[in-house]
Amino acid sequence: MSETKNQWARDDPAFVVICSLLLAVATLAYCAAYDHSASHAVFVVISVLLFHFLTAGVLLATSCWFLTNSYLREEVPNSHVVEQRVEWLYAFDVHCNSFFPMFVMLYVIHYFLSPLLVAHGFIPVLLSNLLFLVAASYYHYLNFLGYDVLPFLERTTFFLYPIGIVIVLSPILILSGFSPSRYFMNMYFSQTL
């Protein structure tokens, strides 16, 4: 892609629009199942789109863009080679590609499993944490793959480090009885589950 347009990012925002629409539909499904107010449903959809997808995406893309350009680029061996940099739009594109499977796990699969995942007890806490562990790990793995394909970056395994943090935190959260499913459902629907 870089050879033809001198850029790595997509120049078409269709994937962002599709992700936003799917996220809105999934959030509306949660609102239909767990909420009774149309105005609150609109608030939840807007806040999920703005904070879960766009704001988090902008912050993560900006962080990755800064890290790759500041610390992970290969040194240019001579002055005859064109210096390449990661574009911010490419970093946001990588986030969107990484977000989609996480969306499927944490919005679609979670929706169908939510009666089990919000229940009290060890098994629901375990399953909820495992679902979030797999989703977060897969997000970071895809993030790593997105930057690993760029020939001018080195040490991109740096993007795999958050998986280790998630793996270390998961047993702690499980043993403490913390359920991410219950936490997020309570946060958005103010029900004591």
N, C-alpha and C. Protein backbone atom coordinates (compact mmCIF):
# COMPACT_ATOMS: atom_id res chain seq x y z
N MET A 1 0.82 -1.18 0.00
CA MET A 1 0.00 0.00 0.00
C MET A 1 0.87 1.25 0.00
N SER A 2 1.96 1.25 0.71
CA SER A 2 2.83 2.43 0.79
C SER A 2 3.44 2.76 -0.57
N GLU A 3 3.66 1.74 -1.41
CA GLU A 3 4.34 1.98 -2.67
C GLU A 3 3.46 2.76 -3.65
N THR A 4 2.16 2.63 -3.58
CA THR A 4 1.30 3.28 -4.56
C THR A 4 0.83 4.66 -4.13
N LYS A 5 0.49 4.84 -2.87
CA LYS A 5 -0.04 6.12 -2.41
C LYS A 5 0.88 6.83 -1.43
N ASN A 6 2.01 6.24 -1.16
CA ASN A 6 2.96 6.79 -0.20
C ASN A 6 2.33 6.98 1.19
N GLN A 7 1.45 6.04 1.53
CA GLN A 7 0.86 6.04 2.87
C GLN A 7 0.49 4.61 3.23
N TRP A 8 0.40 4.33 4.51
CA TRP A 8 0.03 3.01 4.98
C TRP A 8 -1.43 2.96 5.43
N ALA A 9 -2.00 4.09 5.77
CA ALA A 9 -3.37 4.13 6.29
C ALA A 9 -4.39 4.02 5.17
N ARG A 10 -5.59 3.56 5.54
CA ARG A 10 -6.71 3.57 4.60
C ARG A 10 -7.15 5.01 4.39
N ASP A 11 -7.56 5.30 3.19
CA ASP A 11 -8.08 6.65 2.95
C ASP A 11 -9.61 6.65 2.91
N ASP A 12 -10.21 5.53 3.29
CA ASP A 12 -11.66 5.38 3.29
C ASP A 12 -12.15 5.16 4.72
N PRO A 13 -13.04 6.01 5.22
CA PRO A 13 -13.51 5.87 6.60
C PRO A 13 -14.63 4.84 6.77
N ALA A 14 -14.90 4.02 5.76
CA ALA A 14 -16.03 3.10 5.81
C ALA A 14 -15.94 2.13 6.99
N PHE A 15 -14.74 1.63 7.30
CA PHE A 15 -14.61 0.66 8.39
C PHE A 15 -14.95 1.30 9.73
N VAL A 16 -14.57 2.55 9.92
CA VAL A 16 -14.91 3.27 11.16
C VAL A 16 -16.42 3.44 11.25
N VAL A 17 -17.06 3.76 10.15
CA VAL A 17 -18.52 3.92 10.13
C VAL A 17 -19.20 2.59 10.42
N ILE A 18 -18.73 1.51 9.80
CA ILE A 18 -19.32 0.19 10.03
C ILE A 18 -19.15 -0.22 11.49
N CYS A 19 -17.96 -0.04 12.03
CA CYS A 19 -17.73 -0.36 13.45
C CYS A 19 -18.65 0.45 14.35
N SER A 20 -18.81 1.72 14.05
CA SER A 20 -19.68 2.59 14.85
C SER A 20 -21.13 2.13 14.79
N LEU A 21 -21.59 1.78 13.59
CA LEU A 21 -22.97 1.31 13.45
C LEU A 21 -23.20 0.00 14.18
N LEU A 22 -22.27 -0.94 14.05
CA LEU A 22 -22.40 -2.21 14.75
C LEU A 22 -22.36 -2.02 16.26
N LEU A 23 -21.51 -1.13 16.71
CA LEU A 23 -21.42 -0.83 18.14
C LEU A 23 -22.72 -0.21 18.64
N ALA A 24 -23.31 0.68 17.85
CA ALA A 24 -24.58 1.30 18.23
C ALA A 24 -25.70 0.25 18.30
N VAL A 25 -25.75 -0.66 17.32
CA VAL A 25 -26.77 -1.71 17.32
C VAL A 25 -26.60 -2.63 18.53
N ALA A 26 -25.37 -3.04 18.81
CA ALA A 26 -25.13 -3.91 19.97
C ALA A 26 -25.50 -3.21 21.27
N THR A 27 -25.16 -1.94 21.38
CA THR A 27 -25.49 -1.18 22.59
C THR A 27 -27.00 -1.03 22.72
N LEU A 28 -27.69 -0.81 21.62
CA LEU A 28 -29.16 -0.75 21.67
C LEU A 28 -29.76 -2.08 22.11
N ALA A 29 -29.14 -3.19 21.71
CA ALA A 29 -29.62 -4.50 22.16
C ALA A 29 -29.49 -4.62 23.68
N TYR A 30 -28.37 -4.16 24.24
CA TYR A 30 -28.21 -4.16 25.69
C TYR A 30 -29.26 -3.27 26.34
N CYS A 31 -29.50 -2.11 25.76
CA CYS A 31 -30.49 -1.18 26.32
C CYS A 31 -31.89 -1.79 26.28
N ALA A 32 -32.21 -2.48 25.20
CA ALA A 32 -33.53 -3.12 25.10
C ALA A 32 -33.68 -4.21 26.15
N ALA A 33 -32.60 -4.91 26.45
CA ALA A 33 -32.68 -6.01 27.41
C ALA A 33 -32.60 -5.54 28.86
N TYR A 34 -31.86 -4.47 29.13
CA TYR A 34 -31.59 -4.10 30.52
C TYR A 34 -32.07 -2.71 30.92
N ASP A 35 -32.67 -1.97 30.01
CA ASP A 35 -33.06 -0.60 30.33
C ASP A 35 -34.49 -0.37 29.87
N HIS A 36 -35.17 0.60 30.50
CA HIS A 36 -36.56 0.87 30.14
C HIS A 36 -36.75 2.28 29.60
N SER A 37 -35.74 3.09 29.62
CA SER A 37 -35.86 4.49 29.23
C SER A 37 -35.19 4.73 27.88
N ALA A 38 -35.94 5.32 26.96
CA ALA A 38 -35.38 5.64 25.64
C ALA A 38 -34.31 6.72 25.74
N SER A 39 -34.51 7.69 26.62
CA SER A 39 -33.52 8.76 26.75
C SER A 39 -32.21 8.23 27.33
N HIS A 40 -32.32 7.30 28.27
CA HIS A 40 -31.10 6.70 28.83
C HIS A 40 -30.41 5.84 27.78
N ALA A 41 -31.18 5.17 26.93
CA ALA A 41 -30.60 4.35 25.86
C ALA A 41 -29.80 5.22 24.90
N VAL A 42 -30.34 6.38 24.54
CA VAL A 42 -29.61 7.31 23.67
C VAL A 42 -28.32 7.76 24.34
N PHE A 43 -28.40 8.07 25.64
CA PHE A 43 -27.21 8.47 26.40
C PHE A 43 -26.16 7.36 26.40
N VAL A 44 -26.60 6.12 26.63
CA VAL A 44 -25.66 4.99 26.68
C VAL A 44 -25.01 4.77 25.31
N VAL A 45 -25.80 4.82 24.25
CA VAL A 45 -25.25 4.62 22.90
C VAL A 45 -24.21 5.69 22.58
N ILE A 46 -24.54 6.94 22.86
CA ILE A 46 -23.60 8.03 22.58
C ILE A 46 -22.34 7.89 23.43
N SER A 47 -22.49 7.56 24.71
CA SER A 47 -21.30 7.45 25.56
C SER A 47 -20.43 6.26 25.16
N VAL A 48 -21.05 5.14 24.75
CA VAL A 48 -20.25 3.99 24.30
C VAL A 48 -19.50 4.35 23.01
N LEU A 49 -20.19 5.00 22.07
CA LEU A 49 -19.52 5.39 20.82
C LEU A 49 -18.40 6.40 21.09
N LEU A 50 -18.69 7.38 21.91
CA LEU A 50 -17.68 8.42 22.17
C LEU A 50 -16.52 7.93 23.02
N PHE A 51 -16.82 7.16 24.07
CA PHE A 51 -15.75 6.80 25.00
C PHE A 51 -15.12 5.44 24.72
N HIS A 52 -15.93 4.41 24.49
CA HIS A 52 -15.36 3.07 24.25
C HIS A 52 -14.63 2.99 22.92
N PHE A 53 -15.17 3.65 21.92
CA PHE A 53 -14.59 3.50 20.59
C PHE A 53 -13.73 4.70 20.19
N LEU A 54 -14.31 5.88 20.15
CA LEU A 54 -13.58 7.02 19.59
C LEU A 54 -12.53 7.59 20.55
N THR A 55 -12.91 7.95 21.77
CA THR A 55 -11.93 8.55 22.69
C THR A 55 -10.83 7.56 23.04
N ALA A 56 -11.24 6.33 23.40
CA ALA A 56 -10.23 5.31 23.71
C ALA A 56 -9.36 5.04 22.48
N GLY A 57 -9.98 5.02 21.30
CA GLY A 57 -9.23 4.79 20.07
C GLY A 57 -8.25 5.90 19.77
N VAL A 58 -8.69 7.14 19.97
CA VAL A 58 -7.79 8.29 19.73
C VAL A 58 -6.62 8.25 20.71
N LEU A 59 -6.90 7.97 21.98
CA LEU A 59 -5.82 7.92 22.98
C LEU A 59 -4.85 6.77 22.70
N LEU A 60 -5.39 5.59 22.40
CA LEU A 60 -4.51 4.45 22.11
C LEU A 60 -3.73 4.66 20.82
N ALA A 61 -4.40 5.16 19.78
CA ALA A 61 -3.71 5.40 18.51
C ALA A 61 -2.63 6.46 18.66
N THR A 62 -2.92 7.50 19.42
CA THR A 62 -1.92 8.56 19.64
C THR A 62 -0.73 8.02 20.43
N SER A 63 -1.00 7.20 21.44
CA SER A 63 0.09 6.60 22.22
C SER A 63 0.96 5.71 21.35
N CYS A 64 0.32 4.85 20.56
CA CYS A 64 1.07 3.94 19.69
C CYS A 64 1.82 4.71 18.60
N TRP A 65 1.18 5.73 18.05
CA TRP A 65 1.83 6.57 17.04
C TRP A 65 3.08 7.23 17.62
N PHE A 66 2.96 7.78 18.82
CA PHE A 66 4.10 8.44 19.46
C PHE A 66 5.21 7.43 19.77
N LEU A 67 4.85 6.27 20.34
CA LEU A 67 5.85 5.26 20.69
C LEU A 67 6.57 4.73 19.46
N THR A 68 5.82 4.45 18.40
CA THR A 68 6.47 3.90 17.21
C THR A 68 7.41 4.91 16.56
N ASN A 69 6.98 6.15 16.46
CA ASN A 69 7.82 7.16 15.81
C ASN A 69 8.98 7.61 16.69
N SER A 70 8.83 7.55 17.99
CA SER A 70 9.88 8.02 18.89
C SER A 70 10.89 6.94 19.25
N TYR A 71 10.43 5.69 19.39
CA TYR A 71 11.31 4.66 19.96
C TYR A 71 11.46 3.39 19.13
N LEU A 72 10.57 3.12 18.20
CA LEU A 72 10.60 1.82 17.53
C LEU A 72 11.02 1.86 16.06
N ARG A 73 11.31 3.04 15.53
CA ARG A 73 11.75 3.11 14.14
C ARG A 73 13.21 2.69 14.02
N GLU A 74 13.51 2.01 12.92
CA GLU A 74 14.90 1.65 12.64
C GLU A 74 15.68 2.91 12.30
N GLU A 75 16.92 2.92 12.68
CA GLU A 75 17.78 4.05 12.32
C GLU A 75 18.06 3.99 10.82
N VAL A 76 18.00 5.13 10.16
CA VAL A 76 18.27 5.20 8.73
C VAL A 76 19.77 5.04 8.53
N PRO A 77 20.20 4.00 7.76
CA PRO A 77 21.63 3.72 7.61
C PRO A 77 22.41 4.80 6.86
N ASN A 78 21.79 5.44 5.90
CA ASN A 78 22.50 6.49 5.17
C ASN A 78 21.50 7.56 4.72
N SER A 79 22.02 8.62 4.20
CA SER A 79 21.16 9.75 3.84
C SER A 79 20.39 9.54 2.54
N HIS A 80 20.63 8.43 1.84
CA HIS A 80 19.95 8.19 0.57
C HIS A 80 18.63 7.45 0.74
N VAL A 81 18.36 7.00 1.96
CA VAL A 81 17.12 6.27 2.23
C VAL A 81 16.08 7.25 2.76
N VAL A 82 14.87 7.15 2.24
CA VAL A 82 13.79 8.02 2.69
C VAL A 82 13.34 7.57 4.07
N GLU A 83 13.29 8.50 4.99
CA GLU A 83 12.86 8.19 6.35
C GLU A 83 11.34 8.01 6.36
N GLN A 84 10.90 6.88 6.91
CA GLN A 84 9.47 6.62 6.99
C GLN A 84 8.99 6.77 8.42
N ARG A 85 7.75 7.21 8.56
CA ARG A 85 7.14 7.39 9.88
C ARG A 85 5.75 6.75 9.86
N VAL A 86 5.29 6.36 11.02
CA VAL A 86 3.93 5.84 11.16
C VAL A 86 2.99 7.04 11.14
N GLU A 87 1.99 6.98 10.28
CA GLU A 87 0.99 8.04 10.22
C GLU A 87 -0.02 7.83 11.34
N TRP A 88 -0.57 8.91 11.86
CA TRP A 88 -1.56 8.79 12.92
C TRP A 88 -2.79 8.02 12.43
N LEU A 89 -3.20 8.25 11.18
CA LEU A 89 -4.35 7.52 10.64
C LEU A 89 -4.09 6.02 10.58
N TYR A 90 -2.85 5.63 10.31
CA TYR A 90 -2.51 4.21 10.32
C TYR A 90 -2.66 3.66 11.73
N ALA A 91 -2.19 4.40 12.72
CA ALA A 91 -2.31 3.96 14.11
C ALA A 91 -3.79 3.81 14.49
N PHE A 92 -4.64 4.73 14.05
CA PHE A 92 -6.07 4.62 14.34
C PHE A 92 -6.68 3.44 13.58
N ASP A 93 -6.21 3.20 12.37
CA ASP A 93 -6.67 2.06 11.58
C ASP A 93 -6.31 0.75 12.28
N VAL A 94 -5.10 0.67 12.82
CA VAL A 94 -4.69 -0.53 13.57
C VAL A 94 -5.61 -0.72 14.78
N HIS A 95 -5.93 0.38 15.46
CA HIS A 95 -6.86 0.29 16.60
C HIS A 95 -8.21 -0.26 16.15
N CYS A 96 -8.74 0.25 15.05
CA CYS A 96 -10.05 -0.21 14.56
C CYS A 96 -10.01 -1.69 14.20
N ASN A 97 -8.95 -2.13 13.54
CA ASN A 97 -8.81 -3.54 13.20
C ASN A 97 -8.70 -4.41 14.44
N SER A 98 -8.02 -3.91 15.46
CA SER A 98 -7.86 -4.66 16.71
C SER A 98 -9.15 -4.62 17.53
N PHE A 99 -9.89 -3.53 17.41
CA PHE A 99 -11.11 -3.36 18.20
C PHE A 99 -12.22 -4.31 17.75
N PHE A 100 -12.31 -4.59 16.45
CA PHE A 100 -13.45 -5.35 15.95
C PHE A 100 -13.59 -6.73 16.60
N PRO A 101 -12.55 -7.58 16.66
CA PRO A 101 -12.73 -8.87 17.35
C PRO A 101 -13.06 -8.69 18.84
N MET A 102 -12.49 -7.65 19.46
CA MET A 102 -12.81 -7.38 20.86
C MET A 102 -14.29 -6.99 20.98
N PHE A 103 -14.78 -6.23 20.03
CA PHE A 103 -16.21 -5.88 19.99
C PHE A 103 -17.06 -7.14 19.91
N VAL A 104 -16.69 -8.07 19.03
CA VAL A 104 -17.46 -9.31 18.89
C VAL A 104 -17.49 -10.07 20.22
N MET A 105 -16.36 -10.14 20.90
CA MET A 105 -16.31 -10.87 22.17
C MET A 105 -17.04 -10.14 23.30
N LEU A 106 -16.77 -8.84 23.44
CA LEU A 106 -17.27 -8.12 24.62
C LEU A 106 -18.64 -7.48 24.42
N TYR A 107 -19.14 -7.43 23.22
CA TYR A 107 -20.46 -6.86 22.99
C TYR A 107 -21.44 -7.91 22.47
N VAL A 108 -21.03 -8.74 21.53
CA VAL A 108 -21.95 -9.70 20.94
C VAL A 108 -22.01 -10.99 21.76
N ILE A 109 -20.88 -11.67 21.91
CA ILE A 109 -20.86 -12.91 22.70
C ILE A 109 -21.25 -12.62 24.14
N HIS A 110 -20.74 -11.55 24.69
CA HIS A 110 -21.06 -11.17 26.07
C HIS A 110 -22.56 -10.95 26.24
N TYR A 111 -23.20 -10.36 25.24
CA TYR A 111 -24.65 -10.11 25.31
C TYR A 111 -25.41 -11.42 25.53
N PHE A 112 -25.07 -12.43 24.75
CA PHE A 112 -25.79 -13.70 24.86
C PHE A 112 -25.44 -14.46 26.14
N LEU A 113 -24.24 -14.24 26.66
CA LEU A 113 -23.83 -14.90 27.90
C LEU A 113 -24.10 -14.06 29.14
N SER A 114 -24.58 -12.84 28.98
CA SER A 114 -24.69 -11.93 30.12
C SER A 114 -25.55 -12.45 31.27
N PRO A 115 -26.65 -13.19 31.04
CA PRO A 115 -27.37 -13.72 32.21
C PRO A 115 -26.48 -14.60 33.09
N LEU A 116 -25.61 -15.37 32.47
CA LEU A 116 -24.67 -16.20 33.23
C LEU A 116 -23.54 -15.36 33.82
N LEU A 117 -23.00 -14.44 33.04
CA LEU A 117 -21.82 -13.69 33.46
C LEU A 117 -22.08 -12.69 34.59
N VAL A 118 -23.30 -12.21 34.73
CA VAL A 118 -23.60 -11.25 35.80
C VAL A 118 -24.12 -11.94 37.06
N ALA A 119 -24.28 -13.24 37.01
CA ALA A 119 -24.73 -13.98 38.20
C ALA A 119 -23.64 -13.95 39.27
N HIS A 120 -24.04 -14.24 40.49
CA HIS A 120 -23.07 -14.28 41.58
C HIS A 120 -22.48 -15.68 41.68
N GLY A 121 -21.25 -15.76 42.13
CA GLY A 121 -20.59 -17.04 42.30
C GLY A 121 -19.24 -17.07 41.59
N PHE A 122 -18.50 -18.11 41.88
CA PHE A 122 -17.14 -18.22 41.35
C PHE A 122 -17.12 -18.45 39.84
N ILE A 123 -17.98 -19.33 39.34
CA ILE A 123 -17.97 -19.67 37.90
C ILE A 123 -18.29 -18.44 37.04
N PRO A 124 -19.33 -17.65 37.35
CA PRO A 124 -19.56 -16.44 36.54
C PRO A 124 -18.39 -15.45 36.59
N VAL A 125 -17.78 -15.29 37.77
CA VAL A 125 -16.62 -14.39 37.89
C VAL A 125 -15.47 -14.92 37.03
N LEU A 126 -15.23 -16.22 37.09
CA LEU A 126 -14.16 -16.84 36.30
C LEU A 126 -14.41 -16.65 34.80
N LEU A 127 -15.63 -16.97 34.36
CA LEU A 127 -15.94 -16.85 32.93
C LEU A 127 -15.88 -15.41 32.44
N SER A 128 -16.38 -14.49 33.25
CA SER A 128 -16.34 -13.07 32.88
C SER A 128 -14.90 -12.60 32.72
N ASN A 129 -14.05 -12.93 33.68
CA ASN A 129 -12.65 -12.53 33.61
C ASN A 129 -11.94 -13.20 32.43
N LEU A 130 -12.26 -14.46 32.17
CA LEU A 130 -11.62 -15.15 31.04
C LEU A 130 -12.03 -14.52 29.71
N LEU A 131 -13.30 -14.15 29.58
CA LEU A 131 -13.75 -13.50 28.35
C LEU A 131 -13.03 -12.16 28.15
N PHE A 132 -12.91 -11.38 29.21
CA PHE A 132 -12.21 -10.09 29.11
C PHE A 132 -10.71 -10.31 28.87
N LEU A 133 -10.13 -11.35 29.48
CA LEU A 133 -8.72 -11.67 29.27
C LEU A 133 -8.45 -12.00 27.80
N VAL A 134 -9.28 -12.86 27.23
CA VAL A 134 -9.10 -13.26 25.83
C VAL A 134 -9.30 -12.05 24.91
N ALA A 135 -10.32 -11.25 25.18
CA ALA A 135 -10.59 -10.08 24.33
C ALA A 135 -9.45 -9.06 24.39
N ALA A 136 -8.98 -8.75 25.59
CA ALA A 136 -7.88 -7.78 25.73
C ALA A 136 -6.59 -8.32 25.12
N SER A 137 -6.32 -9.60 25.34
CA SER A 137 -5.10 -10.21 24.79
C SER A 137 -5.14 -10.21 23.26
N TYR A 138 -6.30 -10.55 22.71
CA TYR A 138 -6.41 -10.58 21.26
C TYR A 138 -6.29 -9.17 20.67
N TYR A 139 -6.85 -8.18 21.37
CA TYR A 139 -6.71 -6.79 20.92
C TYR A 139 -5.22 -6.43 20.82
N HIS A 140 -4.46 -6.72 21.86
CA HIS A 140 -3.04 -6.35 21.87
C HIS A 140 -2.23 -7.17 20.88
N TYR A 141 -2.63 -8.43 20.66
CA TYR A 141 -1.94 -9.25 19.67
C TYR A 141 -2.15 -8.67 18.26
N LEU A 142 -3.39 -8.30 17.95
CA LEU A 142 -3.66 -7.71 16.64
C LEU A 142 -2.98 -6.35 16.50
N ASN A 143 -2.92 -5.61 17.58
CA ASN A 143 -2.20 -4.34 17.58
C ASN A 143 -0.73 -4.58 17.22
N PHE A 144 -0.14 -5.59 17.84
CA PHE A 144 1.25 -5.97 17.54
C PHE A 144 1.39 -6.32 16.05
N LEU A 145 0.47 -7.13 15.52
CA LEU A 145 0.57 -7.52 14.11
C LEU A 145 0.47 -6.31 13.18
N GLY A 146 -0.36 -5.35 13.55
CA GLY A 146 -0.52 -4.15 12.73
C GLY A 146 0.76 -3.35 12.59
N TYR A 147 1.56 -3.33 13.64
CA TYR A 147 2.82 -2.58 13.58
C TYR A 147 3.97 -3.46 13.12
N ASP A 148 3.87 -4.76 13.33
CA ASP A 148 4.95 -5.66 12.95
C ASP A 148 5.11 -5.75 11.43
N VAL A 149 4.05 -5.46 10.67
CA VAL A 149 4.15 -5.54 9.20
C VAL A 149 4.91 -4.36 8.61
N LEU A 150 5.09 -3.31 9.37
CA LEU A 150 5.80 -2.14 8.84
C LEU A 150 7.30 -2.43 8.82
N PRO A 151 7.91 -2.37 7.65
CA PRO A 151 9.32 -2.78 7.53
C PRO A 151 10.30 -1.83 8.22
N PHE A 152 9.89 -0.64 8.54
CA PHE A 152 10.81 0.33 9.14
C PHE A 152 10.71 0.39 10.67
N LEU A 153 9.93 -0.53 11.26
CA LEU A 153 9.84 -0.58 12.73
C LEU A 153 10.60 -1.79 13.24
N GLU A 154 11.17 -1.65 14.41
CA GLU A 154 11.84 -2.77 15.08
C GLU A 154 11.35 -2.83 16.52
N ARG A 155 11.57 -3.95 17.17
CA ARG A 155 11.17 -4.17 18.57
C ARG A 155 9.66 -4.00 18.76
N THR A 156 8.88 -4.41 17.77
CA THR A 156 7.42 -4.27 17.87
C THR A 156 6.82 -5.25 18.88
N THR A 157 7.60 -6.20 19.37
CA THR A 157 7.09 -7.09 20.42
C THR A 157 6.72 -6.30 21.68
N PHE A 158 7.14 -5.06 21.74
CA PHE A 158 6.73 -4.16 22.82
C PHE A 158 5.21 -4.14 22.96
N PHE A 159 4.50 -4.26 21.84
CA PHE A 159 3.04 -4.20 21.86
C PHE A 159 2.41 -5.47 22.44
N LEU A 160 3.20 -6.49 22.68
CA LEU A 160 2.70 -7.71 23.32
C LEU A 160 2.78 -7.63 24.84
N TYR A 161 3.54 -6.70 25.39
CA TYR A 161 3.72 -6.60 26.84
C TYR A 161 2.42 -6.44 27.63
N PRO A 162 1.44 -5.68 27.14
CA PRO A 162 0.19 -5.57 27.91
C PRO A 162 -0.51 -6.92 28.14
N ILE A 163 -0.27 -7.88 27.25
CA ILE A 163 -0.87 -9.21 27.44
C ILE A 163 -0.35 -9.82 28.73
N GLY A 164 0.93 -9.65 29.01
CA GLY A 164 1.50 -10.15 30.26
C GLY A 164 0.85 -9.51 31.47
N ILE A 165 0.59 -8.21 31.38
CA ILE A 165 -0.06 -7.50 32.49
C ILE A 165 -1.47 -8.05 32.70
N VAL A 166 -2.20 -8.27 31.61
CA VAL A 166 -3.56 -8.81 31.71
C VAL A 166 -3.53 -10.21 32.31
N ILE A 167 -2.56 -11.02 31.91
CA ILE A 167 -2.46 -12.39 32.44
C ILE A 167 -2.14 -12.37 33.92
N VAL A 168 -1.31 -11.45 34.37
CA VAL A 168 -0.98 -11.34 35.80
C VAL A 168 -2.18 -10.82 36.59
N LEU A 169 -2.90 -9.84 36.04
CA LEU A 169 -4.04 -9.25 36.76
C LEU A 169 -5.24 -10.18 36.85
N SER A 170 -5.45 -11.02 35.85
CA SER A 170 -6.65 -11.85 35.82
C SER A 170 -6.82 -12.75 37.04
N PRO A 171 -5.81 -13.52 37.46
CA PRO A 171 -6.00 -14.34 38.66
C PRO A 171 -6.29 -13.51 39.91
N ILE A 172 -5.68 -12.34 39.98
CA ILE A 172 -5.92 -11.45 41.13
C ILE A 172 -7.39 -11.02 41.14
N LEU A 173 -7.90 -10.62 39.98
CA LEU A 173 -9.29 -10.20 39.88
C LEU A 173 -10.25 -11.36 40.15
N ILE A 174 -9.91 -12.53 39.64
CA ILE A 174 -10.76 -13.71 39.86
C ILE A 174 -10.81 -14.06 41.34
N LEU A 175 -9.65 -14.11 41.98
CA LEU A 175 -9.61 -14.48 43.41
C LEU A 175 -10.25 -13.42 44.30
N SER A 176 -10.25 -12.17 43.84
CA SER A 176 -10.90 -11.12 44.64
C SER A 176 -12.41 -11.08 44.41
N GLY A 177 -12.90 -11.85 43.43
CA GLY A 177 -14.34 -11.90 43.16
C GLY A 177 -14.84 -10.78 42.27
N PHE A 178 -13.92 -10.07 41.62
CA PHE A 178 -14.32 -8.96 40.74
C PHE A 178 -14.84 -9.51 39.41
N SER A 179 -16.01 -9.06 39.02
CA SER A 179 -16.60 -9.45 37.74
C SER A 179 -16.66 -8.24 36.82
N PRO A 180 -15.86 -8.22 35.75
CA PRO A 180 -15.93 -7.10 34.81
C PRO A 180 -17.32 -6.95 34.20
N SER A 181 -18.00 -8.06 33.99
CA SER A 181 -19.35 -8.00 33.42
C SER A 181 -20.29 -7.25 34.35
N ARG A 182 -20.29 -7.61 35.62
CA ARG A 182 -21.15 -6.93 36.58
C ARG A 182 -20.77 -5.46 36.70
N TYR A 183 -19.47 -5.18 36.69
CA TYR A 183 -18.99 -3.80 36.82
C TYR A 183 -19.54 -2.92 35.69
N PHE A 184 -19.38 -3.37 34.43
CA PHE A 184 -19.83 -2.56 33.30
C PHE A 184 -21.35 -2.49 33.21
N MET A 185 -22.03 -3.57 33.54
CA MET A 185 -23.49 -3.53 33.51
C MET A 185 -24.01 -2.57 34.58
N ASN A 186 -23.41 -2.59 35.76
CA ASN A 186 -23.81 -1.64 36.81
C ASN A 186 -23.49 -0.21 36.41
N MET A 187 -22.36 -0.02 35.75
CA MET A 187 -21.95 1.33 35.35
C MET A 187 -22.95 1.94 34.36
N TYR A 188 -23.40 1.15 33.39
CA TYR A 188 -24.27 1.70 32.36
C TYR A 188 -25.75 1.60 32.67
N PHE A 189 -26.14 0.62 33.45
CA PHE A 189 -27.56 0.42 33.68
C PHE A 189 -27.96 0.60 35.13
N SER A 190 -27.04 1.01 35.99
CA SER A 190 -27.27 1.33 37.40
C SER A 190 -28.15 0.32 38.11
N GLN A 191 -28.01 -0.91 37.75
CA GLN A 191 -28.73 -1.96 38.46
C GLN A 191 -27.74 -2.70 39.33
N THR A 192 -28.17 -3.09 40.49
CA THR A 192 -27.32 -3.92 41.32
C THR A 192 -27.54 -5.35 40.86
N LEU A 193 -26.56 -5.88 40.19
CA LEU A 193 -26.66 -7.24 39.64
C LEU A 193 -26.00 -8.23 40.57
